[in-house]
Amino acid sequence: MKEHQIQVRVRYSETDQMSVVYHGNYVPYFEMGRVEWLRNKGISYKSLEENGIALPIVSMTINYKKPARYDDLLTVITRFKGQSSVKVEFDCEIRNENNELLTTAHFLLVFVDINLGKAIAPPQYLLDIMNS
């Protein structure tokens, strides 16, 4: 499965005075989507870190189409785009309850050895899982 979906309810604290989700709060929504995409594939981000592997974002592009508002039920869709050498890419989108496209994003992450602080190729078991 190359795609995974989660739902998130917009909390009041995530909005500005106009009851619109503050632009910086989309990044955690997308992070939840990526973490759950991995979990759905049998990869716990916590276990990755316990095994000395991190996946920091090195590039992200977010396009805001329509605002999300307080109490909206959002669907965060995460799609695995591909993996090459030390990098992994995801395309994501957020839709509201009417299935309107609100936001799109592209993320580039790098596998990093936590102890060395250097980019590494992912272990074979991760490659097998991501590409299954």
C-alpha atoms as a PDB file:
ATOM      1  CA  MET A   1       0.000   0.000   0.000  1.00  0.00           C
ATOM      2  CA  LYS A   2       1.594   3.224  -1.165  1.00  0.00           C
ATOM      3  CA  GLU A   3      -1.069   5.454   0.426  1.00  0.00           C
ATOM      4  CA  HIS A   4      -2.373   5.850   3.957  1.00  0.00           C
ATOM      5  CA  GLN A   5      -5.037   8.128   5.451  1.00  0.00           C
ATOM      6  CA  ILE A   6      -5.663   9.475   8.926  1.00  0.00           C
ATOM      7  CA  GLN A   7      -8.251  11.884  10.256  1.00  0.00           C
ATOM      8  CA  VAL A   8      -7.531  14.881  12.459  1.00  0.00           C
ATOM      9  CA  ARG A   9     -10.010  17.241  14.098  1.00  0.00           C
ATOM     10  CA  VAL A  10      -8.875  20.888  14.098  1.00  0.00           C
ATOM     11  CA  ARG A  11      -8.489  22.099  17.673  1.00  0.00           C
ATOM     12  CA  TYR A  12      -9.195  25.672  18.716  1.00  0.00           C
ATOM     13  CA  SER A  13      -5.571  26.202  19.744  1.00  0.00           C
ATOM     14  CA  GLU A  14      -4.462  25.491  16.162  1.00  0.00           C
ATOM     15  CA  THR A  15      -6.384  28.449  14.727  1.00  0.00           C
ATOM     16  CA  ASP A  16      -5.875  32.185  14.503  1.00  0.00           C
ATOM     17  CA  GLN A  17      -8.377  34.942  15.353  1.00  0.00           C
ATOM     18  CA  MET A  18     -10.320  34.167  12.165  1.00  0.00           C
ATOM     19  CA  SER A  19     -10.810  30.498  13.209  1.00  0.00           C
ATOM     20  CA  VAL A  20      -8.496  29.476  10.341  1.00  0.00           C
ATOM     21  CA  VAL A  21      -5.726  26.941  10.939  1.00  0.00           C
ATOM     22  CA  TYR A  22      -2.434  28.797  11.365  1.00  0.00           C
ATOM     23  CA  HIS A  23      -0.111  27.892   8.485  1.00  0.00           C
ATOM     24  CA  GLY A  24       2.579  26.407  10.733  1.00  0.00           C
ATOM     25  CA  ASN A  25       0.133  23.888  12.177  1.00  0.00           C
ATOM     26  CA  TYR A  26      -0.126  21.976   8.902  1.00  0.00           C
ATOM     27  CA  VAL A  27       3.393  20.594   9.350  1.00  0.00           C
ATOM     28  CA  PRO A  28       2.407  18.512  12.441  1.00  0.00           C
ATOM     29  CA  TYR A  29      -0.641  17.173  10.550  1.00  0.00           C
ATOM     30  CA  PHE A  30       1.647  15.975   7.772  1.00  0.00           C
ATOM     31  CA  GLU A  31       4.083  14.536  10.314  1.00  0.00           C
ATOM     32  CA  MET A  32       1.262  12.520  11.897  1.00  0.00           C
ATOM     33  CA  GLY A  33       0.423  11.236   8.425  1.00  0.00           C
ATOM     34  CA  ARG A  34       4.006  10.119   7.708  1.00  0.00           C
ATOM     35  CA  VAL A  35       4.432   8.476  11.124  1.00  0.00           C
ATOM     36  CA  GLU A  36       1.160   6.568  10.669  1.00  0.00           C
ATOM     37  CA  TRP A  37       2.116   5.606   7.080  1.00  0.00           C
ATOM     38  CA  LEU A  38       5.257   4.010   8.518  1.00  0.00           C
ATOM     39  CA  ARG A  39       3.302   2.371  11.370  1.00  0.00           C
ATOM     40  CA  ASN A  40       0.810   0.955   8.864  1.00  0.00           C
ATOM     41  CA  LYS A  41       3.771  -0.663   7.091  1.00  0.00           C
ATOM     42  CA  GLY A  42       4.977  -2.189  10.368  1.00  0.00           C
ATOM     43  CA  ILE A  43       7.676   0.421  11.069  1.00  0.00           C
ATOM     44  CA  SER A  44       7.557   2.214  14.395  1.00  0.00           C
ATOM     45  CA  TYR A  45       9.345   5.566  14.256  1.00  0.00           C
ATOM     46  CA  LYS A  46      10.173   5.071  17.924  1.00  0.00           C
ATOM     47  CA  SER A  47      11.899   1.756  17.142  1.00  0.00           C
ATOM     48  CA  LEU A  48      13.821   3.414  14.292  1.00  0.00           C
ATOM     49  CA  GLU A  49      15.196   5.958  16.751  1.00  0.00           C
ATOM     50  CA  GLU A  50      15.931   3.244  19.313  1.00  0.00           C
ATOM     51  CA  ASN A  51      17.989   1.544  16.578  1.00  0.00           C
ATOM     52  CA  GLY A  52      19.923   4.740  15.904  1.00  0.00           C
ATOM     53  CA  ILE A  53      18.066   5.925  12.791  1.00  0.00           C
ATOM     54  CA  ALA A  54      16.324   9.283  12.352  1.00  0.00           C
ATOM     55  CA  LEU A  55      14.414  10.682   9.384  1.00  0.00           C
ATOM     56  CA  PRO A  56      14.752  14.470   9.422  1.00  0.00           C
ATOM     57  CA  ILE A  57      13.061  16.615   6.799  1.00  0.00           C
ATOM     58  CA  VAL A  58      15.564  18.268   4.476  1.00  0.00           C
ATOM     59  CA  SER A  59      13.046  19.859   2.115  1.00  0.00           C
ATOM     60  CA  MET A  60       9.326  20.582   2.165  1.00  0.00           C
ATOM     61  CA  THR A  61       6.969  22.392  -0.136  1.00  0.00           C
ATOM     62  CA  ILE A  62       3.459  23.253   1.027  1.00  0.00           C
ATOM     63  CA  ASN A  63       0.721  24.752  -1.135  1.00  0.00           C
ATOM     64  CA  TYR A  64      -2.308  26.197   0.607  1.00  0.00           C
ATOM     65  CA  LYS A  65      -5.432  26.043  -1.546  1.00  0.00           C
ATOM     66  CA  LYS A  66      -8.299  26.644   0.912  1.00  0.00           C
ATOM     67  CA  PRO A  67      -8.315  27.210   4.659  1.00  0.00           C
ATOM     68  CA  ALA A  68      -9.048  24.566   7.239  1.00  0.00           C
ATOM     69  CA  ARG A  69     -11.155  25.908  10.100  1.00  0.00           C
ATOM     70  CA  TYR A  70     -11.831  25.208  13.739  1.00  0.00           C
ATOM     71  CA  ASP A  71     -13.624  21.882  14.332  1.00  0.00           C
ATOM     72  CA  ASP A  72     -13.161  20.666  10.714  1.00  0.00           C
ATOM     73  CA  LEU A  73     -12.532  16.948  10.397  1.00  0.00           C
ATOM     74  CA  LEU A  74      -9.541  16.702   8.092  1.00  0.00           C
ATOM     75  CA  THR A  75      -8.281  13.721   6.137  1.00  0.00           C
ATOM     76  CA  VAL A  76      -4.511  13.653   5.806  1.00  0.00           C
ATOM     77  CA  ILE A  77      -3.444  11.513   2.856  1.00  0.00           C
ATOM     78  CA  THR A  78       0.178  10.376   2.713  1.00  0.00           C
ATOM     79  CA  ARG A  79       1.620   8.808  -0.444  1.00  0.00           C
ATOM     80  CA  PHE A  80       5.027   7.191  -0.673  1.00  0.00           C
ATOM     81  CA  LYS A  81       6.633   8.693  -3.762  1.00  0.00           C
ATOM     82  CA  GLY A  82       9.939   6.884  -3.770  1.00  0.00           C
ATOM     83  CA  GLN A  83      13.279   6.134  -2.192  1.00  0.00           C
ATOM     84  CA  SER A  84      16.793   6.597  -3.558  1.00  0.00           C
ATOM     85  CA  SER A  85      20.131   6.115  -1.797  1.00  0.00           C
ATOM     86  CA  VAL A  86      19.665   7.963   1.531  1.00  0.00           C
ATOM     87  CA  LYS A  87      16.465   9.849   0.663  1.00  0.00           C
ATOM     88  CA  VAL A  88      12.758   9.093   0.907  1.00  0.00           C
ATOM     89  CA  GLU A  89       9.956  11.213  -0.592  1.00  0.00           C
ATOM     90  CA  PHE A  90       6.294  11.634   0.304  1.00  0.00           C
ATOM     91  CA  ASP A  91       3.476  13.525  -1.382  1.00  0.00           C
ATOM     92  CA  CYS A  92       0.674  14.534   0.949  1.00  0.00           C
ATOM     93  CA  GLU A  93      -2.649  16.309   0.884  1.00  0.00           C
ATOM     94  CA  ILE A  94      -5.312  17.432   3.285  1.00  0.00           C
ATOM     95  CA  ARG A  95      -9.007  17.319   2.451  1.00  0.00           C
ATOM     96  CA  ASN A  96     -12.027  18.492   4.425  1.00  0.00           C
ATOM     97  CA  GLU A  97     -15.260  16.608   5.142  1.00  0.00           C
ATOM     98  CA  ASN A  98     -16.630  17.660   1.735  1.00  0.00           C
ATOM     99  CA  ASN A  99     -13.542  16.112   0.088  1.00  0.00           C
ATOM    100  CA  GLU A 100     -12.322  19.564  -0.965  1.00  0.00           C
ATOM    101  CA  LEU A 101      -8.567  19.761  -1.449  1.00  0.00           C
ATOM    102  CA  LEU A 102      -7.212  22.214   1.133  1.00  0.00           C
ATOM    103  CA  THR A 103      -3.455  21.730   1.106  1.00  0.00           C
ATOM    104  CA  THR A 104      -0.802  19.759  -0.772  1.00  0.00           C
ATOM    105  CA  ALA A 105       2.759  19.077   0.299  1.00  0.00           C
ATOM    106  CA  HIS A 106       5.936  17.334  -0.783  1.00  0.00           C
ATOM    107  CA  PHE A 107       8.520  16.141   1.749  1.00  0.00           C
ATOM    108  CA  LEU A 108      12.077  14.945   1.245  1.00  0.00           C
ATOM    109  CA  LEU A 109      13.591  13.165   4.242  1.00  0.00           C
ATOM    110  CA  VAL A 110      17.022  11.644   4.769  1.00  0.00           C
ATOM    111  CA  PHE A 111      17.981   8.566   6.759  1.00  0.00           C
ATOM    112  CA  VAL A 112      20.518   9.648   9.379  1.00  0.00           C
ATOM    113  CA  ASP A 113      22.676   7.682  11.790  1.00  0.00           C
ATOM    114  CA  ILE A 114      21.809   9.390  15.089  1.00  0.00           C
ATOM    115  CA  ASN A 115      25.185   8.604  16.670  1.00  0.00           C
ATOM    116  CA  LEU A 116      27.286   9.817  13.724  1.00  0.00           C
ATOM    117  CA  GLY A 117      24.967  12.590  12.581  1.00  0.00           C
ATOM    118  CA  LYS A 118      25.509  11.508   8.978  1.00  0.00           C
ATOM    119  CA  ALA A 119      23.249  10.382   6.163  1.00  0.00           C
ATOM    120  CA  ILE A 120      23.123   6.616   5.688  1.00  0.00           C
ATOM    121  CA  ALA A 121      21.503   4.145   3.342  1.00  0.00           C
ATOM    122  CA  PRO A 122      18.470   2.584   5.018  1.00  0.00           C
ATOM    123  CA  PRO A 123      18.778  -1.004   6.214  1.00  0.00           C
ATOM    124  CA  GLN A 124      17.550  -3.596   3.736  1.00  0.00           C
ATOM    125  CA  TYR A 125      14.558  -4.520   5.897  1.00  0.00           C
ATOM    126  CA  LEU A 126      13.318  -0.914   5.623  1.00  0.00           C
ATOM    127  CA  LEU A 127      13.808  -0.893   1.848  1.00  0.00           C
ATOM    128  CA  ASP A 128      11.842  -4.139   1.582  1.00  0.00           C
ATOM    129  CA  ILE A 129       8.984  -2.791   3.678  1.00  0.00           C
ATOM    130  CA  MET A 130       8.809   0.622   1.955  1.00  0.00           C
ATOM    131  CA  ASN A 131       8.838  -0.862  -1.516  1.00  0.00           C
ATOM    132  CA  SER A 132       6.427  -3.734  -0.831  1.00  0.00           C
END
